[in-house]
Amino acid sequence: MQEKIMVADTLNGINDELTRYAGMIAQSENKELKQTLKQFRNACEQSQEELYQIARAKSYYVPASKATDEEVSHVRNLFTQGTL
């Protein structure tokens, strides 16, 4: 398997894991468990960031172009107006 594919698969897996942690944290009533899950999530986010930086350095991942000021303003307005 190519390294680029393995990196992409790993990033997808980490992103899925982060989504699961967010759900578990939101649903947990136990403060101790919630704190432990947050620590796991933080470590997972760190791993994701490190792998993302490697992917960028090797040109395995090219981020989308930055949003224009108008696009940012439009989305901000949608949230402010409660449209979303």
C-alpha atoms as a PDB file:
ATOM      1  CA  MET A   1       0.000   0.000   0.000  1.00  0.00           C
ATOM      2  CA  GLN A   2       1.257   3.483  -0.801  1.00  0.00           C
ATOM      3  CA  GLU A   3       2.328   5.741   2.042  1.00  0.00           C
ATOM      4  CA  LYS A   4      -0.018   8.510   0.842  1.00  0.00           C
ATOM      5  CA  ILE A   5      -3.034   6.187   1.099  1.00  0.00           C
ATOM      6  CA  MET A   6      -1.977   4.965   4.540  1.00  0.00           C
ATOM      7  CA  VAL A   7      -1.626   8.536   5.799  1.00  0.00           C
ATOM      8  CA  ALA A   8      -5.057   9.478   4.410  1.00  0.00           C
ATOM      9  CA  ASP A   9      -6.664   6.394   5.953  1.00  0.00           C
ATOM     10  CA  THR A  10      -5.036   7.118   9.299  1.00  0.00           C
ATOM     11  CA  LEU A  11      -6.186  10.752   9.251  1.00  0.00           C
ATOM     12  CA  ASN A  12      -9.737   9.622   8.452  1.00  0.00           C
ATOM     13  CA  GLY A  13      -9.624   7.159  11.335  1.00  0.00           C
ATOM     14  CA  ILE A  14      -8.358   9.805  13.753  1.00  0.00           C
ATOM     15  CA  ASN A  15     -11.068  12.218  12.629  1.00  0.00           C
ATOM     16  CA  ASP A  16     -13.717   9.556  13.226  1.00  0.00           C
ATOM     17  CA  GLU A  17     -12.246   8.908  16.663  1.00  0.00           C
ATOM     18  CA  LEU A  18     -12.393  12.622  17.494  1.00  0.00           C
ATOM     19  CA  THR A  19     -16.069  12.657  16.524  1.00  0.00           C
ATOM     20  CA  ARG A  20     -16.755   9.706  18.820  1.00  0.00           C
ATOM     21  CA  TYR A  21     -14.910  11.363  21.715  1.00  0.00           C
ATOM     22  CA  ALA A  22     -16.992  14.525  21.254  1.00  0.00           C
ATOM     23  CA  GLY A  23     -20.185  12.481  21.473  1.00  0.00           C
ATOM     24  CA  MET A  24     -19.056  10.558  24.537  1.00  0.00           C
ATOM     25  CA  ILE A  25     -17.924  13.726  26.325  1.00  0.00           C
ATOM     26  CA  ALA A  26     -21.237  15.444  25.637  1.00  0.00           C
ATOM     27  CA  GLN A  27     -23.237  12.478  26.934  1.00  0.00           C
ATOM     28  CA  SER A  28     -21.185  11.683  30.028  1.00  0.00           C
ATOM     29  CA  GLU A  29     -22.534  12.739  33.392  1.00  0.00           C
ATOM     30  CA  ASN A  30     -19.534  11.425  35.322  1.00  0.00           C
ATOM     31  CA  LYS A  31     -17.066  14.316  35.721  1.00  0.00           C
ATOM     32  CA  GLU A  32     -14.097  12.009  36.177  1.00  0.00           C
ATOM     33  CA  LEU A  33     -14.942  10.035  33.050  1.00  0.00           C
ATOM     34  CA  LYS A  34     -15.565  13.252  31.141  1.00  0.00           C
ATOM     35  CA  GLN A  35     -12.132  14.567  32.139  1.00  0.00           C
ATOM     36  CA  THR A  36     -10.449  11.311  31.113  1.00  0.00           C
ATOM     37  CA  LEU A  37     -12.205  11.389  27.747  1.00  0.00           C
ATOM     38  CA  LYS A  38     -11.074  14.985  27.243  1.00  0.00           C
ATOM     39  CA  GLN A  39      -7.482  13.938  27.904  1.00  0.00           C
ATOM     40  CA  PHE A  40      -7.801  11.132  25.347  1.00  0.00           C
ATOM     41  CA  ARG A  41      -9.367  13.560  22.873  1.00  0.00           C
ATOM     42  CA  ASN A  42      -6.558  16.074  23.392  1.00  0.00           C
ATOM     43  CA  ALA A  43      -3.918  13.401  22.763  1.00  0.00           C
ATOM     44  CA  CYS A  44      -5.832  12.302  19.668  1.00  0.00           C
ATOM     45  CA  GLU A  45      -5.977  15.905  18.404  1.00  0.00           C
ATOM     46  CA  GLN A  46      -2.219  16.204  18.902  1.00  0.00           C
ATOM     47  CA  SER A  47      -1.645  13.039  16.863  1.00  0.00           C
ATOM     48  CA  GLN A  48      -3.955  14.337  14.153  1.00  0.00           C
ATOM     49  CA  GLU A  49      -2.083  17.642  13.991  1.00  0.00           C
ATOM     50  CA  GLU A  50       1.307  15.922  13.763  1.00  0.00           C
ATOM     51  CA  LEU A  51       0.149  13.597  11.000  1.00  0.00           C
ATOM     52  CA  TYR A  52      -1.517  16.502   9.184  1.00  0.00           C
ATOM     53  CA  GLN A  53       1.772  18.433   9.236  1.00  0.00           C
ATOM     54  CA  ILE A  54       3.597  15.407   7.788  1.00  0.00           C
ATOM     55  CA  ALA A  55       0.942  15.059   5.073  1.00  0.00           C
ATOM     56  CA  ARG A  56       1.267  18.755   4.187  1.00  0.00           C
ATOM     57  CA  ALA A  57       5.064  18.573   4.099  1.00  0.00           C
ATOM     58  CA  LYS A  58       4.937  15.616   1.694  1.00  0.00           C
ATOM     59  CA  SER A  59       2.171  17.236  -0.402  1.00  0.00           C
ATOM     60  CA  TYR A  60      -0.171  14.352   0.416  1.00  0.00           C
ATOM     61  CA  TYR A  61      -2.722  16.914   1.520  1.00  0.00           C
ATOM     62  CA  VAL A  62      -3.342  20.293  -0.025  1.00  0.00           C
ATOM     63  CA  PRO A  63      -5.827  22.377   1.943  1.00  0.00           C
ATOM     64  CA  ALA A  64      -8.644  24.220   0.232  1.00  0.00           C
ATOM     65  CA  SER A  65      -8.112  27.871  -0.549  1.00  0.00           C
ATOM     66  CA  LYS A  66      -8.887  30.326   2.202  1.00  0.00           C
ATOM     67  CA  ALA A  67     -12.367  31.772   2.392  1.00  0.00           C
ATOM     68  CA  THR A  68     -12.795  35.334   1.199  1.00  0.00           C
ATOM     69  CA  ASP A  69     -13.804  38.067   3.637  1.00  0.00           C
ATOM     70  CA  GLU A  70     -17.249  38.083   2.035  1.00  0.00           C
ATOM     71  CA  GLU A  71     -17.677  34.326   2.562  1.00  0.00           C
ATOM     72  CA  VAL A  72     -16.629  34.596   6.194  1.00  0.00           C
ATOM     73  CA  SER A  73     -18.984  37.516   6.727  1.00  0.00           C
ATOM     74  CA  HIS A  74     -21.867  35.623   5.103  1.00  0.00           C
ATOM     75  CA  VAL A  75     -21.419  32.567   7.310  1.00  0.00           C
ATOM     76  CA  ARG A  76     -21.008  34.751  10.408  1.00  0.00           C
ATOM     77  CA  ASN A  77     -24.281  36.481   9.550  1.00  0.00           C
ATOM     78  CA  LEU A  78     -26.059  33.146   9.119  1.00  0.00           C
ATOM     79  CA  PHE A  79     -25.009  32.100  12.626  1.00  0.00           C
ATOM     80  CA  THR A  80     -25.801  35.494  14.120  1.00  0.00           C
ATOM     81  CA  GLN A  81     -29.277  35.547  12.574  1.00  0.00           C
ATOM     82  CA  GLY A  82     -29.990  32.013  13.688  1.00  0.00           C
ATOM     83  CA  THR A  83     -30.447  30.818  10.118  1.00  0.00           C
ATOM     84  CA  LEU A  84     -28.357  27.708  10.727  1.00  0.00           C
END
